[in-house]
């Protein structure tokens, strides 16, 4: 029997959504921990086939971490 192949874009979709959620949460609390976690989760999602979600997660996470590094000395 032939196995049903799941398209690659669906394999990493949940991982991509988790990455986006971590990235958005990092804006409000624990930017280093959640930002870095969101970046790596987005990287895994992009490798599993959810390229757009993974890249968005990596971009948002990178933005939060850089913004935190720049603004942290002033607060």
C-alpha atoms as a PDB file:
ATOM      1  CA  UNK A   1       0.000   0.000   0.000  1.00  0.00           C
ATOM      2  CA  UNK A   2       1.086   3.535  -0.662  1.00  0.00           C
ATOM      3  CA  UNK A   3       1.506   5.812   2.303  1.00  0.00           C
ATOM      4  CA  UNK A   4      -0.184   9.161   2.220  1.00  0.00           C
ATOM      5  CA  UNK A   5       2.466  11.870   2.073  1.00  0.00           C
ATOM      6  CA  UNK A   6       1.848  14.964   4.156  1.00  0.00           C
ATOM      7  CA  UNK A   7       3.000  18.109   2.339  1.00  0.00           C
ATOM      8  CA  UNK A   8       6.120  19.583   3.889  1.00  0.00           C
ATOM      9  CA  UNK A   9       4.466  22.917   4.561  1.00  0.00           C
ATOM     10  CA  UNK A  10       2.105  21.249   7.068  1.00  0.00           C
ATOM     11  CA  UNK A  11       4.843  19.442   8.972  1.00  0.00           C
ATOM     12  CA  UNK A  12       6.348  22.577  10.461  1.00  0.00           C
ATOM     13  CA  UNK A  13       3.216  24.698  10.656  1.00  0.00           C
ATOM     14  CA  UNK A  14       2.617  24.080  14.359  1.00  0.00           C
ATOM     15  CA  UNK A  15       6.271  24.718  15.111  1.00  0.00           C
ATOM     16  CA  UNK A  16       6.017  27.987  13.173  1.00  0.00           C
ATOM     17  CA  UNK A  17       2.941  29.062  15.108  1.00  0.00           C
ATOM     18  CA  UNK A  18       4.704  28.307  18.398  1.00  0.00           C
ATOM     19  CA  UNK A  19       7.665  30.388  17.198  1.00  0.00           C
ATOM     20  CA  UNK A  20       5.408  33.330  16.327  1.00  0.00           C
ATOM     21  CA  UNK A  21       3.688  33.128  19.720  1.00  0.00           C
ATOM     22  CA  UNK A  22       7.045  33.069  21.529  1.00  0.00           C
ATOM     23  CA  UNK A  23       8.237  36.026  19.474  1.00  0.00           C
ATOM     24  CA  UNK A  24       5.150  38.084  20.243  1.00  0.00           C
ATOM     25  CA  UNK A  25       5.297  37.203  23.937  1.00  0.00           C
ATOM     26  CA  UNK A  26       8.918  38.315  24.024  1.00  0.00           C
ATOM     27  CA  UNK A  27       7.751  41.883  23.341  1.00  0.00           C
ATOM     28  CA  UNK A  28       6.026  41.922  26.728  1.00  0.00           C
ATOM     29  CA  UNK A  29       8.015  39.669  29.034  1.00  0.00           C
ATOM     30  CA  UNK A  30      11.436  37.961  29.204  1.00  0.00           C
ATOM     31  CA  UNK A  31      12.767  39.255  25.861  1.00  0.00           C
ATOM     32  CA  UNK A  32      16.042  37.345  25.933  1.00  0.00           C
ATOM     33  CA  UNK A  33      14.652  33.959  26.873  1.00  0.00           C
ATOM     34  CA  UNK A  34      11.514  34.061  24.727  1.00  0.00           C
ATOM     35  CA  UNK A  35      13.242  35.921  21.900  1.00  0.00           C
ATOM     36  CA  UNK A  36      16.016  33.386  21.551  1.00  0.00           C
ATOM     37  CA  UNK A  37      13.533  30.518  21.950  1.00  0.00           C
ATOM     38  CA  UNK A  38      11.345  32.047  19.250  1.00  0.00           C
ATOM     39  CA  UNK A  39      14.333  32.391  16.938  1.00  0.00           C
ATOM     40  CA  UNK A  40      15.359  28.757  17.282  1.00  0.00           C
ATOM     41  CA  UNK A  41      11.771  27.549  17.006  1.00  0.00           C
ATOM     42  CA  UNK A  42      11.402  29.594  13.818  1.00  0.00           C
ATOM     43  CA  UNK A  43      14.614  28.098  12.463  1.00  0.00           C
ATOM     44  CA  UNK A  44      13.310  24.587  13.104  1.00  0.00           C
ATOM     45  CA  UNK A  45       9.977  25.483  11.489  1.00  0.00           C
ATOM     46  CA  UNK A  46      11.692  26.802   8.377  1.00  0.00           C
ATOM     47  CA  UNK A  47      13.720  23.592   8.106  1.00  0.00           C
ATOM     48  CA  UNK A  48      10.545  21.519   8.430  1.00  0.00           C
ATOM     49  CA  UNK A  49       8.868  23.323   5.563  1.00  0.00           C
ATOM     50  CA  UNK A  50       6.984  26.254   7.105  1.00  0.00           C
ATOM     51  CA  UNK A  51       9.421  28.765   5.649  1.00  0.00           C
ATOM     52  CA  UNK A  52       7.290  31.899   5.899  1.00  0.00           C
ATOM     53  CA  UNK A  53       6.228  31.322   9.503  1.00  0.00           C
ATOM     54  CA  UNK A  54       9.767  30.402  10.466  1.00  0.00           C
ATOM     55  CA  UNK A  55      11.266  33.486   8.881  1.00  0.00           C
ATOM     56  CA  UNK A  56       8.697  35.782  10.476  1.00  0.00           C
ATOM     57  CA  UNK A  57       9.419  34.228  13.829  1.00  0.00           C
ATOM     58  CA  UNK A  58      13.167  34.683  13.370  1.00  0.00           C
ATOM     59  CA  UNK A  59      12.786  38.310  12.256  1.00  0.00           C
ATOM     60  CA  UNK A  60      10.476  39.253  15.131  1.00  0.00           C
ATOM     61  CA  UNK A  61      12.687  37.525  17.677  1.00  0.00           C
ATOM     62  CA  UNK A  62      15.827  39.160  16.332  1.00  0.00           C
ATOM     63  CA  UNK A  63      14.137  42.558  16.409  1.00  0.00           C
ATOM     64  CA  UNK A  64      13.097  42.118  20.036  1.00  0.00           C
ATOM     65  CA  UNK A  65      16.529  40.968  21.194  1.00  0.00           C
ATOM     66  CA  UNK A  66      18.330  43.811  19.387  1.00  0.00           C
ATOM     67  CA  UNK A  67      15.803  46.356  20.646  1.00  0.00           C
ATOM     68  CA  UNK A  68      16.267  45.085  24.183  1.00  0.00           C
ATOM     69  CA  UNK A  69      20.046  45.321  23.894  1.00  0.00           C
ATOM     70  CA  UNK A  70      19.801  48.881  22.622  1.00  0.00           C
ATOM     71  CA  UNK A  71      17.229  50.138  25.120  1.00  0.00           C
ATOM     72  CA  UNK A  72      18.334  48.212  28.208  1.00  0.00           C
ATOM     73  CA  UNK A  73      21.053  50.711  29.276  1.00  0.00           C
ATOM     74  CA  UNK A  74      18.515  53.538  29.407  1.00  0.00           C
ATOM     75  CA  UNK A  75      15.994  51.829  31.701  1.00  0.00           C
END
